[in-house]
N, C-alpha and C. Protein backbone atom coordinates (compact mmCIF):
# COMPACT_ATOMS: atom_id res chain seq x y z
N MET A 1 17.70 -56.16 -14.43
CA MET A 1 19.01 -54.72 -14.69
C MET A 1 20.48 -55.25 -14.81
N PRO A 2 20.82 -56.14 -14.30
CA PRO A 2 22.05 -56.52 -14.55
C PRO A 2 22.20 -57.20 -15.86
N ALA A 3 21.08 -57.86 -16.46
CA ALA A 3 21.34 -58.38 -17.88
C ALA A 3 21.34 -57.20 -18.87
N LEU A 4 20.70 -56.15 -18.63
CA LEU A 4 20.73 -55.12 -19.55
C LEU A 4 22.01 -54.38 -19.74
N GLY A 5 22.74 -54.18 -18.65
CA GLY A 5 24.09 -53.79 -18.38
C GLY A 5 24.94 -54.63 -19.53
N ALA A 6 24.93 -56.22 -19.25
CA ALA A 6 25.71 -57.14 -19.83
C ALA A 6 25.37 -56.98 -21.22
N VAL A 7 24.33 -56.77 -21.62
CA VAL A 7 23.82 -56.61 -23.34
C VAL A 7 24.66 -55.51 -23.74
N ALA A 8 24.35 -54.18 -23.09
CA ALA A 8 25.07 -53.20 -23.48
C ALA A 8 26.63 -53.34 -23.60
N LEU A 9 27.18 -53.85 -22.55
CA LEU A 9 28.77 -53.99 -22.60
C LEU A 9 29.09 -55.13 -23.80
N ALA A 10 28.16 -56.05 -23.86
CA ALA A 10 28.66 -56.97 -25.03
C ALA A 10 28.49 -56.17 -26.40
N ALA A 11 27.51 -55.32 -26.42
CA ALA A 11 27.41 -54.87 -27.46
C ALA A 11 28.41 -53.76 -27.91
N VAL A 12 29.05 -52.97 -27.06
CA VAL A 12 30.08 -52.21 -27.08
C VAL A 12 31.38 -52.68 -27.25
N MET A 13 31.50 -53.78 -26.63
CA MET A 13 32.84 -54.65 -27.08
C MET A 13 32.79 -55.39 -28.47
N MET A 14 31.62 -55.88 -28.75
CA MET A 14 31.53 -56.40 -30.21
C MET A 14 31.68 -55.43 -31.29
N SER A 15 31.30 -53.88 -31.15
CA SER A 15 31.42 -53.25 -31.79
C SER A 15 32.48 -52.49 -32.19
N SER A 16 33.58 -52.58 -31.33
CA SER A 16 34.67 -52.14 -31.23
C SER A 16 35.63 -52.93 -32.15
N CYS A 17 35.50 -54.12 -32.64
CA CYS A 17 36.13 -55.06 -33.39
C CYS A 17 36.38 -54.44 -34.83
N ALA A 18 35.31 -53.96 -35.30
CA ALA A 18 35.68 -53.53 -36.76
C ALA A 18 35.42 -51.78 -36.63
N SER A 19 36.28 -51.35 -37.33
CA SER A 19 36.56 -49.90 -37.23
C SER A 19 36.57 -49.29 -38.55
N GLY A 20 35.92 -49.75 -39.84
CA GLY A 20 35.84 -49.15 -40.82
C GLY A 20 35.05 -47.88 -40.86
N PRO A 21 35.13 -47.02 -41.90
CA PRO A 21 34.18 -45.98 -42.12
C PRO A 21 32.66 -46.40 -41.99
N ASN A 22 32.41 -47.46 -42.75
CA ASN A 22 31.05 -47.67 -42.92
C ASN A 22 30.56 -48.46 -41.52
N ALA A 23 31.48 -49.20 -40.98
CA ALA A 23 31.24 -49.87 -39.68
C ALA A 23 30.96 -48.78 -38.78
N ARG A 24 31.56 -47.83 -38.53
CA ARG A 24 31.37 -46.71 -37.46
C ARG A 24 29.96 -45.96 -37.86
N THR A 25 29.82 -45.56 -38.99
CA THR A 25 28.28 -45.00 -39.55
C THR A 25 27.20 -45.84 -39.16
N GLY A 26 27.37 -47.33 -39.47
CA GLY A 26 26.31 -48.11 -39.14
C GLY A 26 26.00 -48.49 -37.79
N THR A 27 27.27 -48.38 -36.87
CA THR A 27 26.99 -48.30 -35.33
C THR A 27 26.09 -47.51 -34.97
N VAL A 28 26.36 -46.14 -35.36
CA VAL A 28 25.72 -45.08 -35.02
C VAL A 28 24.32 -44.90 -35.56
N VAL A 29 24.23 -45.24 -36.90
CA VAL A 29 22.66 -45.29 -37.27
C VAL A 29 22.04 -46.40 -36.68
N GLY A 30 22.44 -47.54 -36.78
CA GLY A 30 21.69 -48.86 -36.29
C GLY A 30 21.49 -48.54 -34.63
N GLY A 31 22.36 -47.85 -33.76
CA GLY A 31 22.18 -47.63 -32.52
C GLY A 31 20.82 -46.68 -32.50
N LEU A 32 20.99 -45.68 -33.01
CA LEU A 32 19.86 -44.60 -33.11
C LEU A 32 18.39 -45.25 -33.39
N GLY A 33 18.56 -45.81 -34.60
CA GLY A 33 17.32 -46.56 -35.12
C GLY A 33 16.73 -47.57 -34.15
N GLY A 34 17.68 -48.39 -33.66
CA GLY A 34 17.31 -49.25 -32.58
C GLY A 34 16.91 -48.86 -31.26
N ALA A 35 17.59 -47.71 -30.84
CA ALA A 35 16.85 -46.89 -29.68
C ALA A 35 15.55 -46.32 -30.06
N ALA A 36 15.46 -45.87 -31.31
CA ALA A 36 13.95 -45.53 -31.65
C ALA A 36 12.86 -46.36 -31.54
N VAL A 37 13.16 -47.54 -32.28
CA VAL A 37 12.22 -48.49 -32.36
C VAL A 37 11.98 -49.37 -30.95
N GLY A 38 13.02 -49.41 -30.39
CA GLY A 38 13.08 -50.44 -29.10
C GLY A 38 12.39 -49.50 -28.09
N GLY A 39 12.15 -48.10 -28.17
CA GLY A 39 11.62 -47.18 -27.15
C GLY A 39 9.97 -47.34 -27.25
N ILE A 40 9.76 -47.18 -28.53
CA ILE A 40 8.13 -47.09 -29.29
C ILE A 40 7.71 -48.61 -28.54
N ILE A 41 8.34 -49.78 -28.94
CA ILE A 41 7.93 -51.04 -28.47
C ILE A 41 8.04 -51.18 -26.93
N GLY A 42 8.97 -50.71 -26.40
CA GLY A 42 8.92 -50.64 -24.88
C GLY A 42 7.90 -49.84 -24.16
N HIS A 43 7.37 -48.79 -24.88
CA HIS A 43 6.64 -47.81 -24.22
C HIS A 43 5.24 -48.61 -24.24
N GLN A 44 4.94 -49.64 -25.23
CA GLN A 44 3.68 -50.41 -25.18
C GLN A 44 3.53 -51.09 -24.01
N SER A 45 4.57 -51.56 -23.59
CA SER A 45 4.69 -52.52 -22.19
C SER A 45 4.89 -51.74 -20.99
N GLY A 46 4.98 -50.42 -21.17
CA GLY A 46 5.18 -49.81 -19.90
C GLY A 46 6.77 -49.46 -19.61
N ARG A 47 7.58 -50.23 -20.43
CA ARG A 47 9.15 -50.15 -20.24
C ARG A 47 10.01 -49.35 -21.28
N GLY A 48 9.65 -48.14 -21.46
CA GLY A 48 10.30 -47.55 -22.67
C GLY A 48 11.69 -47.35 -22.69
N LEU A 49 12.56 -47.02 -21.60
CA LEU A 49 13.82 -46.66 -21.32
C LEU A 49 14.53 -48.07 -21.42
N GLU A 50 14.15 -49.36 -21.00
CA GLU A 50 14.68 -50.52 -20.93
C GLU A 50 14.69 -50.97 -22.73
N GLY A 51 13.59 -50.43 -23.27
CA GLY A 51 13.35 -50.95 -24.66
C GLY A 51 14.03 -50.31 -25.50
N ALA A 52 14.13 -49.02 -25.14
CA ALA A 52 15.31 -48.19 -25.76
C ALA A 52 16.79 -48.61 -25.81
N ALA A 53 17.16 -48.77 -24.53
CA ALA A 53 18.50 -49.53 -24.20
C ALA A 53 18.83 -50.67 -24.83
N ILE A 54 17.95 -51.67 -24.91
CA ILE A 54 17.93 -52.86 -25.50
C ILE A 54 18.12 -53.00 -26.90
N GLY A 55 17.03 -51.95 -27.65
CA GLY A 55 17.11 -51.79 -29.00
C GLY A 55 18.24 -51.03 -29.55
N GLY A 56 18.78 -49.80 -28.76
CA GLY A 56 20.02 -49.45 -29.29
C GLY A 56 21.11 -50.27 -29.17
N ALA A 57 21.42 -51.05 -28.28
CA ALA A 57 22.41 -52.33 -28.10
C ALA A 57 22.30 -53.02 -29.38
N LEU A 58 21.23 -53.58 -29.48
CA LEU A 58 21.06 -54.58 -30.49
C LEU A 58 21.09 -53.88 -32.22
N GLY A 59 20.64 -52.62 -32.34
CA GLY A 59 20.88 -51.82 -33.42
C GLY A 59 22.18 -51.71 -33.57
N ALA A 60 22.89 -51.10 -32.65
CA ALA A 60 24.51 -50.94 -32.80
C ALA A 60 25.06 -52.04 -33.52
N LEU A 61 24.81 -53.10 -32.86
CA LEU A 61 25.27 -54.44 -33.14
C LEU A 61 25.29 -54.78 -34.64
N GLY A 62 23.94 -54.75 -34.92
CA GLY A 62 23.67 -55.34 -36.19
C GLY A 62 24.13 -54.18 -37.40
N GLY A 63 24.01 -52.96 -36.98
CA GLY A 63 24.27 -51.95 -38.04
C GLY A 63 25.95 -51.98 -37.89
N ASN A 64 26.65 -52.39 -36.96
CA ASN A 64 28.27 -52.76 -36.94
C ASN A 64 28.36 -53.60 -37.87
N MET A 65 27.79 -54.71 -37.91
CA MET A 65 27.91 -55.91 -38.65
C MET A 65 27.72 -55.72 -40.17
N ILE A 66 26.75 -55.09 -40.55
CA ILE A 66 26.54 -54.69 -41.84
C ILE A 66 27.46 -53.73 -42.42
N GLY A 67 27.79 -52.73 -41.67
CA GLY A 67 29.12 -51.63 -42.16
C GLY A 67 30.19 -52.35 -42.32
N ASP A 68 30.54 -53.28 -41.37
CA ASP A 68 31.72 -54.02 -41.48
C ASP A 68 31.78 -54.79 -42.98
N SER A 69 30.78 -55.51 -43.14
CA SER A 69 30.59 -56.36 -44.41
C SER A 69 30.76 -55.36 -45.52
N GLN A 70 30.30 -54.31 -45.57
CA GLN A 70 30.57 -53.24 -46.76
C GLN A 70 31.81 -52.83 -46.57
N ASP A 71 32.68 -52.51 -45.50
CA ASP A 71 33.91 -52.20 -45.61
C ASP A 71 34.78 -53.40 -46.39
N GLN A 72 34.56 -54.40 -45.96
CA GLN A 72 35.23 -55.76 -46.53
C GLN A 72 35.05 -56.10 -47.79
N ARG A 73 34.00 -55.98 -48.30
CA ARG A 73 33.61 -55.72 -49.70
C ARG A 73 34.41 -54.57 -50.41
N ASN A 74 34.48 -53.45 -49.94
CA ASN A 74 35.14 -52.36 -50.57
C ASN A 74 36.64 -52.71 -50.55
N TYR A 75 37.39 -53.25 -49.46
CA TYR A 75 38.64 -53.58 -49.39
C TYR A 75 39.12 -54.40 -50.29
N ASP A 76 37.86 -55.74 -50.65
CA ASP A 76 38.23 -56.70 -51.57
C ASP A 76 38.17 -56.24 -52.87
N ARG A 77 37.09 -55.37 -53.37
CA ARG A 77 37.26 -54.97 -54.46
C ARG A 77 38.35 -53.96 -54.92
N ARG A 78 38.58 -52.95 -54.02
CA ARG A 78 40.04 -52.50 -54.21
C ARG A 78 41.46 -53.23 -54.60
N ARG A 79 41.41 -54.26 -53.79
CA ARG A 79 42.65 -55.11 -54.01
C ARG A 79 42.51 -55.74 -55.36
N TYR A 80 41.28 -56.03 -55.69
CA TYR A 80 41.01 -56.96 -57.37
C TYR A 80 41.31 -55.95 -58.25
N TYR A 81 40.93 -54.78 -58.22
CA TYR A 81 41.08 -53.74 -59.38
C TYR A 81 42.10 -53.12 -59.22
N ALA A 82 42.82 -53.05 -58.21
CA ALA A 82 44.12 -52.40 -58.17
C ALA A 82 45.52 -53.05 -59.06
N ASN A 83 45.29 -54.55 -59.17
CA ASN A 83 46.38 -54.84 -60.10
C ASN A 83 46.00 -55.12 -61.65
N ARG A 84 44.90 -54.52 -61.85
CA ARG A 84 44.50 -54.28 -63.31
C ARG A 84 43.95 -52.89 -63.61
N GLY A 85 45.16 -52.37 -64.15
CA GLY A 85 45.04 -50.86 -64.87
C GLY A 85 43.82 -50.79 -65.69
N HIS A 86 43.87 -51.65 -66.84
CA HIS A 86 42.86 -51.74 -67.72
C HIS A 86 42.42 -53.27 -68.27
N TYR A 87 41.55 -53.38 -68.93
CA TYR A 87 41.13 -54.59 -69.55
C TYR A 87 41.95 -54.88 -70.62
N TYR A 88 42.69 -56.12 -70.61
CA TYR A 88 43.27 -56.47 -71.92
C TYR A 88 42.83 -57.80 -72.52
N ASP A 89 42.38 -57.85 -73.82
CA ASP A 89 42.04 -58.81 -74.52
C ASP A 89 43.40 -59.49 -75.25
N ASP A 90 43.71 -60.71 -75.14
CA ASP A 90 44.79 -61.04 -75.71
C ASP A 90 44.42 -61.87 -77.15
N ARG A 91 42.99 -61.97 -77.38
CA ARG A 91 42.76 -62.69 -78.65
C ARG A 91 43.16 -61.64 -79.95
N TYR A 92 43.27 -62.44 -80.97
CA TYR A 92 43.53 -61.56 -82.26
C TYR A 92 42.24 -61.75 -83.21
N TYR A 93 42.05 -60.30 -83.44
CA TYR A 93 40.79 -60.08 -84.66
C TYR A 93 41.31 -59.89 -85.86
N TYR A 94 40.82 -60.66 -86.81
CA TYR A 94 41.22 -60.37 -88.24
C TYR A 94 40.08 -59.91 -89.05
């Protein structure tokens, strides 16, 4: 049981590092999905609650990482296209 608490604490600490909108959404969706899948798998071995807790923690961590990478991609694209108001071709056509 102490290991379960350590996993949950680590997931909460790691997920708080990234706080973009996609990271927060990914944390919630990943946590809910992971808890559902972990509960189903854990129920097969007679430990549904522990499976749900572990699955929720790992799902939240994974969802946060995916959401954070989407936030980074959106930030990079915004910076790249912000300096380019329009496409300019400096070649001459005759």
